Amino acid sequence: IVQMFLATIFFVTQIFVGGGINWGLWALVFSTNMTTFWVKYIKLHRKHELVIAIVYTILVSIMSGYYIYELIVSSTIL
């Protein structure tokens, strides 16, 4: 809950100061939930945990990919 609260504050602040959206920040936040649900699925073997773990994995992958893409596109070195 604290992680989500801080991410929201950082996210809103970055948008208001003109920094755009930091998808990497959200990928980190959701990766915690992703890991939790994968561990719960491995321990409990419930399909519910598997479905949620897969959804979080897809979200983390998309957000991470978009964040890396934006870093590459905006890079002055490349």
PDB file of N, CA and C in Angstrom:
ATOM      1  N   ILE A   1       0.840  -1.188   0.000  1.00  0.00           N
ATOM      2  CA  ILE A   1       0.000   0.000   0.000  1.00  0.00           C
ATOM      3  C   ILE A   1       0.882   1.247   0.000  1.00  0.00           C
ATOM      4  N   VAL A   2       1.923   1.233   0.796  1.00  0.00           N
ATOM      5  CA  VAL A   2       2.834   2.384   0.852  1.00  0.00           C
ATOM      6  C   VAL A   2       3.516   2.577  -0.495  1.00  0.00           C
ATOM      7  N   GLN A   3       3.934   1.485  -1.105  1.00  0.00           N
ATOM      8  CA  GLN A   3       4.592   1.552  -2.407  1.00  0.00           C
ATOM      9  C   GLN A   3       3.645   2.158  -3.450  1.00  0.00           C
ATOM     10  N   MET A   4       2.403   1.732  -3.457  1.00  0.00           N
ATOM     11  CA  MET A   4       1.423   2.247  -4.401  1.00  0.00           C
ATOM     12  C   MET A   4       1.147   3.732  -4.140  1.00  0.00           C
ATOM     13  N   PHE A   5       1.075   4.118  -2.882  1.00  0.00           N
ATOM     14  CA  PHE A   5       0.836   5.513  -2.511  1.00  0.00           C
ATOM     15  C   PHE A   5       1.983   6.407  -2.980  1.00  0.00           C
ATOM     16  N   LEU A   6       3.225   5.983  -2.702  1.00  0.00           N
ATOM     17  CA  LEU A   6       4.372   6.781  -3.138  1.00  0.00           C
ATOM     18  C   LEU A   6       4.478   6.842  -4.658  1.00  0.00           C
ATOM     19  N   ALA A   7       4.217   5.729  -5.324  1.00  0.00           N
ATOM     20  CA  ALA A   7       4.269   5.726  -6.789  1.00  0.00           C
ATOM     21  C   ALA A   7       3.239   6.691  -7.357  1.00  0.00           C
ATOM     22  N   THR A   8       2.068   6.737  -6.757  1.00  0.00           N
ATOM     23  CA  THR A   8       1.020   7.658  -7.223  1.00  0.00           C
ATOM     24  C   THR A   8       1.451   9.102  -7.037  1.00  0.00           C
ATOM     25  N   ILE A   9       2.038   9.417  -5.901  1.00  0.00           N
ATOM     26  CA  ILE A   9       2.520  10.786  -5.663  1.00  0.00           C
ATOM     27  C   ILE A   9       3.597  11.152  -6.681  1.00  0.00           C
ATOM     28  N   PHE A  10       4.574  10.259  -6.890  1.00  0.00           N
ATOM     29  CA  PHE A  10       5.640  10.525  -7.866  1.00  0.00           C
ATOM     30  C   PHE A  10       5.077  10.649  -9.274  1.00  0.00           C
ATOM     31  N   PHE A  11       4.123   9.803  -9.621  1.00  0.00           N
ATOM     32  CA  PHE A  11       3.511   9.788 -10.941  1.00  0.00           C
ATOM     33  C   PHE A  11       2.793  11.109 -11.215  1.00  0.00           C
ATOM     34  N   VAL A  12       1.961  11.535 -10.280  1.00  0.00           N
ATOM     35  CA  VAL A  12       1.198  12.785 -10.450  1.00  0.00           C
ATOM     36  C   VAL A  12       2.138  13.982 -10.481  1.00  0.00           C
ATOM     37  N   THR A  13       3.142  13.990  -9.609  1.00  0.00           N
ATOM     38  CA  THR A  13       4.105  15.091  -9.586  1.00  0.00           C
ATOM     39  C   THR A  13       4.857  15.188 -10.905  1.00  0.00           C
ATOM     40  N   GLN A  14       5.279  14.059 -11.431  1.00  0.00           N
ATOM     41  CA  GLN A  14       6.023  14.064 -12.695  1.00  0.00           C
ATOM     42  C   GLN A  14       5.160  14.575 -13.844  1.00  0.00           C
ATOM     43  N   ILE A  15       3.897  14.222 -13.864  1.00  0.00           N
ATOM     44  CA  ILE A  15       2.999  14.713 -14.917  1.00  0.00           C
ATOM     45  C   ILE A  15       2.826  16.225 -14.797  1.00  0.00           C
ATOM     46  N   PHE A  16       2.627  16.728 -13.566  1.00  0.00           N
ATOM     47  CA  PHE A  16       2.404  18.159 -13.380  1.00  0.00           C
ATOM     48  C   PHE A  16       3.631  19.010 -13.690  1.00  0.00           C
ATOM     49  N   VAL A  17       4.823  18.487 -13.509  1.00  0.00           N
ATOM     50  CA  VAL A  17       6.022  19.272 -13.822  1.00  0.00           C
ATOM     51  C   VAL A  17       6.456  19.089 -15.270  1.00  0.00           C
ATOM     52  N   GLY A  18       5.676  18.357 -16.029  1.00  0.00           N
ATOM     53  CA  GLY A  18       5.949  18.215 -17.454  1.00  0.00           C
ATOM     54  C   GLY A  18       6.910  17.109 -17.802  1.00  0.00           C
ATOM     55  N   GLY A  19       7.104  16.162 -16.921  1.00  0.00           N
ATOM     56  CA  GLY A  19       8.050  15.082 -17.167  1.00  0.00           C
ATOM     57  C   GLY A  19       7.460  13.895 -17.896  1.00  0.00           C
ATOM     58  N   GLY A  20       6.186  13.941 -18.196  1.00  0.00           N
ATOM     59  CA  GLY A  20       5.555  12.808 -18.871  1.00  0.00           C
ATOM     60  C   GLY A  20       5.228  11.688 -17.911  1.00  0.00           C
ATOM     61  N   ILE A  21       4.978  10.523 -18.448  1.00  0.00           N
ATOM     62  CA  ILE A  21       4.593   9.370 -17.649  1.00  0.00           C
ATOM     63  C   ILE A  21       5.790   8.443 -17.505  1.00  0.00           C
ATOM     64  N   ASN A  22       6.096   8.066 -16.278  1.00  0.00           N
ATOM     65  CA  ASN A  22       7.202   7.163 -16.002  1.00  0.00           C
ATOM     66  C   ASN A  22       6.657   5.738 -15.873  1.00  0.00           C
ATOM     67  N   TRP A  23       6.661   4.999 -16.963  1.00  0.00           N
ATOM     68  CA  TRP A  23       6.127   3.643 -16.965  1.00  0.00           C
ATOM     69  C   TRP A  23       7.022   2.693 -16.192  1.00  0.00           C
ATOM     70  N   GLY A  24       8.305   3.003 -16.091  1.00  0.00           N
ATOM     71  CA  GLY A  24       9.232   2.170 -15.333  1.00  0.00           C
ATOM     72  C   GLY A  24       8.874   2.122 -13.857  1.00  0.00           C
ATOM     73  N   LEU A  25       8.411   3.233 -13.327  1.00  0.00           N
ATOM     74  CA  LEU A  25       7.979   3.299 -11.935  1.00  0.00           C
ATOM     75  C   LEU A  25       6.827   2.340 -11.689  1.00  0.00           C
ATOM     76  N   TRP A  26       5.852   2.333 -12.585  1.00  0.00           N
ATOM     77  CA  TRP A  26       4.693   1.443 -12.427  1.00  0.00           C
ATOM     78  C   TRP A  26       5.074  -0.009 -12.666  1.00  0.00           C
ATOM     79  N   ALA A  27       6.024  -0.247 -13.543  1.00  0.00           N
ATOM     80  CA  ALA A  27       6.496  -1.621 -13.746  1.00  0.00           C
ATOM     81  C   ALA A  27       7.090  -2.166 -12.447  1.00  0.00           C
ATOM     82  N   LEU A  28       7.839  -1.328 -11.737  1.00  0.00           N
ATOM     83  CA  LEU A  28       8.404  -1.751 -10.452  1.00  0.00           C
ATOM     84  C   LEU A  28       7.316  -2.020  -9.417  1.00  0.00           C
ATOM     85  N   VAL A  29       6.324  -1.153  -9.357  1.00  0.00           N
ATOM     86  CA  VAL A  29       5.238  -1.335  -8.391  1.00  0.00           C
ATOM     87  C   VAL A  29       4.478  -2.624  -8.679  1.00  0.00           C
ATOM     88  N   PHE A  30       4.129  -2.844  -9.938  1.00  0.00           N
ATOM     89  CA  PHE A  30       3.350  -4.036 -10.288  1.00  0.00           C
ATOM     90  C   PHE A  30       4.191  -5.310 -10.216  1.00  0.00           C
ATOM     91  N   SER A  31       5.514  -5.186 -10.323  1.00  0.00           N
ATOM     92  CA  SER A  31       6.349  -6.384 -10.243  1.00  0.00           C
ATOM     93  C   SER A  31       6.297  -7.013  -8.851  1.00  0.00           C
ATOM     94  N   THR A  32       6.075  -6.208  -7.831  1.00  0.00           N
ATOM     95  CA  THR A  32       5.909  -6.748  -6.477  1.00  0.00           C
ATOM     96  C   THR A  32       4.673  -7.631  -6.400  1.00  0.00           C
ATOM     97  N   ASN A  33       3.560  -7.133  -6.932  1.00  0.00           N
ATOM     98  CA  ASN A  33       2.329  -7.919  -6.947  1.00  0.00           C
ATOM     99  C   ASN A  33       2.484  -9.154  -7.832  1.00  0.00           C
ATOM    100  N   MET A  34       3.162  -8.992  -8.958  1.00  0.00           N
ATOM    101  CA  MET A  34       3.383 -10.111  -9.864  1.00  0.00           C
ATOM    102  C   MET A  34       4.119 -11.242  -9.145  1.00  0.00           C
ATOM    103  N   THR A  35       5.192 -10.882  -8.458  1.00  0.00           N
ATOM    104  CA  THR A  35       5.981 -11.881  -7.738  1.00  0.00           C
ATOM    105  C   THR A  35       5.158 -12.554  -6.638  1.00  0.00           C
ATOM    106  N   THR A  36       4.387 -11.768  -5.920  1.00  0.00           N
ATOM    107  CA  THR A  36       3.551 -12.321  -4.857  1.00  0.00           C
ATOM    108  C   THR A  36       2.580 -13.355  -5.403  1.00  0.00           C
ATOM    109  N   PHE A  37       1.921 -13.044  -6.507  1.00  0.00           N
ATOM    110  CA  PHE A  37       0.945 -13.980  -7.060  1.00  0.00           C
ATOM    111  C   PHE A  37       1.605 -15.206  -7.676  1.00  0.00           C
ATOM    112  N   TRP A  38       2.809 -15.072  -8.241  1.00  0.00           N
ATOM    113  CA  TRP A  38       3.511 -16.259  -8.736  1.00  0.00           C
ATOM    114  C   TRP A  38       3.879 -17.191  -7.587  1.00  0.00           C
ATOM    115  N   VAL A  39       4.351 -16.623  -6.485  1.00  0.00           N
ATOM    116  CA  VAL A  39       4.702 -17.442  -5.326  1.00  0.00           C
ATOM    117  C   VAL A  39       3.458 -18.105  -4.744  1.00  0.00           C
ATOM    118  N   LYS A  40       2.361 -17.345  -4.660  1.00  0.00           N
ATOM    119  CA  LYS A  40       1.116 -17.934  -4.144  1.00  0.00           C
ATOM    120  C   LYS A  40       0.637 -19.069  -5.045  1.00  0.00           C
ATOM    121  N   TYR A  41       0.760 -18.892  -6.358  1.00  0.00           N
ATOM    122  CA  TYR A  41       0.342 -19.953  -7.266  1.00  0.00           C
ATOM    123  C   TYR A  41       1.215 -21.197  -7.100  1.00  0.00           C
ATOM    124  N   ILE A  42       2.521 -21.000  -6.987  1.00  0.00           N
ATOM    125  CA  ILE A  42       3.436 -22.135  -6.832  1.00  0.00           C
ATOM    126  C   ILE A  42       3.138 -22.899  -5.541  1.00  0.00           C
ATOM    127  N   LYS A  43       2.821 -22.168  -4.479  1.00  0.00           N
ATOM    128  CA  LYS A  43       2.552 -22.809  -3.193  1.00  0.00           C
ATOM    129  C   LYS A  43       1.151 -23.429  -3.121  1.00  0.00           C
ATOM    130  N   LEU A  44       0.135 -22.736  -3.664  1.00  0.00           N
ATOM    131  CA  LEU A  44      -1.257 -23.158  -3.475  1.00  0.00           C
ATOM    132  C   LEU A  44      -1.880 -23.847  -4.686  1.00  0.00           C
ATOM    133  N   HIS A  45      -1.299 -23.671  -5.847  1.00  0.00           N
ATOM    134  CA  HIS A  45      -1.805 -24.253  -7.099  1.00  0.00           C
ATOM    135  C   HIS A  45      -3.265 -23.893  -7.396  1.00  0.00           C
ATOM    136  N   ARG A  46      -3.618 -22.648  -7.135  1.00  0.00           N
ATOM    137  CA  ARG A  46      -4.974 -22.169  -7.449  1.00  0.00           C
ATOM    138  C   ARG A  46      -4.952 -21.439  -8.778  1.00  0.00           C
ATOM    139  N   LYS A  47      -5.967 -21.701  -9.590  1.00  0.00           N
ATOM    140  CA  LYS A  47      -6.022 -21.066 -10.912  1.00  0.00           C
ATOM    141  C   LYS A  47      -6.200 -19.556 -10.800  1.00  0.00           C
ATOM    142  N   HIS A  48      -6.870 -19.108  -9.769  1.00  0.00           N
ATOM    143  CA  HIS A  48      -7.085 -17.674  -9.567  1.00  0.00           C
ATOM    144  C   HIS A  48      -5.745 -16.941  -9.472  1.00  0.00           C
ATOM    145  N   GLU A  49      -4.826 -17.477  -8.661  1.00  0.00           N
ATOM    146  CA  GLU A  49      -3.507 -16.863  -8.531  1.00  0.00           C
ATOM    147  C   GLU A  49      -2.733 -16.912  -9.840  1.00  0.00           C
ATOM    148  N   LEU A  50      -2.885 -17.996 -10.593  1.00  0.00           N
ATOM    149  CA  LEU A  50      -2.213 -18.116 -11.887  1.00  0.00           C
ATOM    150  C   LEU A  50      -2.695 -17.043 -12.857  1.00  0.00           C
ATOM    151  N   VAL A  51      -3.997 -16.846 -12.929  1.00  0.00           N
ATOM    152  CA  VAL A  51      -4.563 -15.846 -13.848  1.00  0.00           C
ATOM    153  C   VAL A  51      -4.077 -14.452 -13.481  1.00  0.00           C
ATOM    154  N   ILE A  52      -4.130 -14.124 -12.199  1.00  0.00           N
ATOM    155  CA  ILE A  52      -3.690 -12.789 -11.773  1.00  0.00           C
ATOM    156  C   ILE A  52      -2.190 -12.624 -11.988  1.00  0.00           C
ATOM    157  N   ALA A  53      -1.405 -13.673 -11.731  1.00  0.00           N
ATOM    158  CA  ALA A  53       0.048 -13.607 -11.960  1.00  0.00           C
ATOM    159  C   ALA A  53       0.347 -13.363 -13.426  1.00  0.00           C
ATOM    160  N   ILE A  54      -0.382 -14.024 -14.314  1.00  0.00           N
ATOM    161  CA  ILE A  54      -0.176 -13.827 -15.758  1.00  0.00           C
ATOM    162  C   ILE A  54      -0.545 -12.408 -16.166  1.00  0.00           C
ATOM    163  N   VAL A  55      -1.656 -11.891 -15.646  1.00  0.00           N
ATOM    164  CA  VAL A  55      -2.073 -10.519 -15.972  1.00  0.00           C
ATOM    165  C   VAL A  55      -1.012  -9.519 -15.505  1.00  0.00           C
ATOM    166  N   TYR A  56      -0.526  -9.688 -14.266  1.00  0.00           N
ATOM    167  CA  TYR A  56       0.521  -8.791 -13.772  1.00  0.00           C
ATOM    168  C   TYR A  56       1.801  -8.924 -14.595  1.00  0.00           C
ATOM    169  N   THR A  57       2.136 -10.128 -15.006  1.00  0.00           N
ATOM    170  CA  THR A  57       3.328 -10.335 -15.825  1.00  0.00           C
ATOM    171  C   THR A  57       3.201  -9.602 -17.158  1.00  0.00           C
ATOM    172  N   ILE A  58       2.035  -9.671 -17.767  1.00  0.00           N
ATOM    173  CA  ILE A  58       1.795  -8.962 -19.035  1.00  0.00           C
ATOM    174  C   ILE A  58       1.905  -7.453 -18.818  1.00  0.00           C
ATOM    175  N   LEU A  59       1.287  -6.949 -17.745  1.00  0.00           N
ATOM    176  CA  LEU A  59       1.359  -5.512 -17.456  1.00  0.00           C
ATOM    177  C   LEU A  59       2.803  -5.057 -17.232  1.00  0.00           C
ATOM    178  N   VAL A  60       3.543  -5.803 -16.435  1.00  0.00           N
ATOM    179  CA  VAL A  60       4.939  -5.445 -16.149  1.00  0.00           C
ATOM    180  C   VAL A  60       5.766  -5.484 -17.433  1.00  0.00           C
ATOM    181  N   SER A  61       5.534  -6.484 -18.271  1.00  0.00           N
ATOM    182  CA  SER A  61       6.276  -6.594 -19.533  1.00  0.00           C
ATOM    183  C   SER A  61       5.990  -5.421 -20.455  1.00  0.00           C
ATOM    184  N   ILE A  62       4.724  -5.060 -20.587  1.00  0.00           N
ATOM    185  CA  ILE A  62       4.343  -3.943 -21.461  1.00  0.00           C
ATOM    186  C   ILE A  62       4.917  -2.634 -20.934  1.00  0.00           C
ATOM    187  N   MET A  63       4.744  -2.386 -19.638  1.00  0.00           N
ATOM    188  CA  MET A  63       5.250  -1.131 -19.066  1.00  0.00           C
ATOM    189  C   MET A  63       6.772  -1.056 -19.130  1.00  0.00           C
ATOM    190  N   SER A  64       7.451  -2.162 -18.860  1.00  0.00           N
ATOM    191  CA  SER A  64       8.914  -2.176 -18.945  1.00  0.00           C
ATOM    192  C   SER A  64       9.379  -1.946 -20.373  1.00  0.00           C
ATOM    193  N   GLY A  65       8.728  -2.614 -21.307  1.00  0.00           N
ATOM    194  CA  GLY A  65       9.082  -2.449 -22.710  1.00  0.00           C
ATOM    195  C   GLY A  65       8.889  -1.022 -23.190  1.00  0.00           C
ATOM    196  N   TYR A  66       7.765  -0.431 -22.806  1.00  0.00           N
ATOM    197  CA  TYR A  66       7.501   0.947 -23.219  1.00  0.00           C
ATOM    198  C   TYR A  66       8.500   1.908 -22.581  1.00  0.00           C
ATOM    199  N   TYR A  67       8.840   1.674 -21.323  1.00  0.00           N
ATOM    200  CA  TYR A  67       9.806   2.529 -20.632  1.00  0.00           C
ATOM    201  C   TYR A  67      11.176   2.452 -21.307  1.00  0.00           C
ATOM    202  N   ILE A  68      11.630   1.250 -21.611  1.00  0.00           N
ATOM    203  CA  ILE A  68      12.920   1.071 -22.291  1.00  0.00           C
ATOM    204  C   ILE A  68      12.883   1.684 -23.685  1.00  0.00           C
ATOM    205  N   TYR A  69      11.774   1.504 -24.389  1.00  0.00           N
ATOM    206  CA  TYR A  69      11.624   2.102 -25.722  1.00  0.00           C
ATOM    207  C   TYR A  69      11.749   3.621 -25.650  1.00  0.00           C
ATOM    208  N   GLU A  70      11.067   4.242 -24.673  1.00  0.00           N
ATOM    209  CA  GLU A  70      11.145   5.698 -24.540  1.00  0.00           C
ATOM    210  C   GLU A  70      12.553   6.156 -24.182  1.00  0.00           C
ATOM    211  N   LEU A  71      13.265   5.383 -23.373  1.00  0.00           N
ATOM    212  CA  LEU A  71      14.650   5.733 -23.048  1.00  0.00           C
ATOM    213  C   LEU A  71      15.515   5.691 -24.313  1.00  0.00           C
ATOM    214  N   ILE A  72      15.330   4.688 -25.130  1.00  0.00           N
ATOM    215  CA  ILE A  72      16.132   4.567 -26.351  1.00  0.00           C
ATOM    216  C   ILE A  72      15.808   5.676 -27.324  1.00  0.00           C
ATOM    217  N   VAL A  73      14.536   5.968 -27.500  1.00  0.00           N
ATOM    218  CA  VAL A  73      14.116   7.007 -28.447  1.00  0.00           C
ATOM    219  C   VAL A  73      14.611   8.388 -28.013  1.00  0.00           C
ATOM    220  N   SER A  74      14.579   8.659 -26.732  1.00  0.00           N
ATOM    221  CA  SER A  74      14.978   9.988 -26.252  1.00  0.00           C
ATOM    222  C   SER A  74      16.472  10.102 -25.965  1.00  0.00           C
ATOM    223  N   SER A  75      17.221   9.036 -26.162  1.00  0.00           N
ATOM    224  CA  SER A  75      18.654   9.034 -25.869  1.00  0.00           C
ATOM    225  C   SER A  75      19.411   9.937 -26.847  1.00  0.00           C
ATOM    226  N   THR A  76      20.351  10.669 -26.306  1.00  0.00           N
ATOM    227  CA  THR A  76      21.204  11.505 -27.156  1.00  0.00           C
ATOM    228  C   THR A  76      22.450  10.727 -27.595  1.00  0.00           C
ATOM    229  N   ILE A  77      22.713   9.621 -26.962  1.00  0.00           N
ATOM    230  CA  ILE A  77      23.886   8.811 -27.299  1.00  0.00           C
ATOM    231  C   ILE A  77      23.606   7.934 -28.517  1.00  0.00           C
ATOM    232  N   LEU A  78      22.416   7.342 -28.546  1.00  0.00           N
ATOM    233  CA  LEU A  78      22.103   6.412 -29.637  1.00  0.00           C
ATOM    234  C   LEU A  78      21.653   7.143 -30.827  1.00  0.00           C
TER     235      LEU A  78
END
